[in-house]
């Protein structure tokens, strides 16, 4: 499944905070990580957090776009139904 993530680097802790809507009304998962957005540390922390929360290996979560942006597109080896127990229902 491909979904959007809005990342807050240097957020004090690693946590997924649930779904929100972007300006166009699309569902976006809010995530904060303690790592700074330098040398890919925040991206690595996001991948690790999502993989851990979804019960997947890190290779099961991929960053498709947004390497240097707060808004990222993520692909995970899970269905939409698999996202719901971890993060709630997208768009709800």
Foldseek 3Di string as FASTA:
>chain_A
DKAKEQEAELPVAWDWDAWDADPVGFIYIYTYHNHDLPPQPRVVSNLVSVCVLLVHDSVQKDWDDDSPHRMTMIGGPDDQVSVCVRHRHTSD
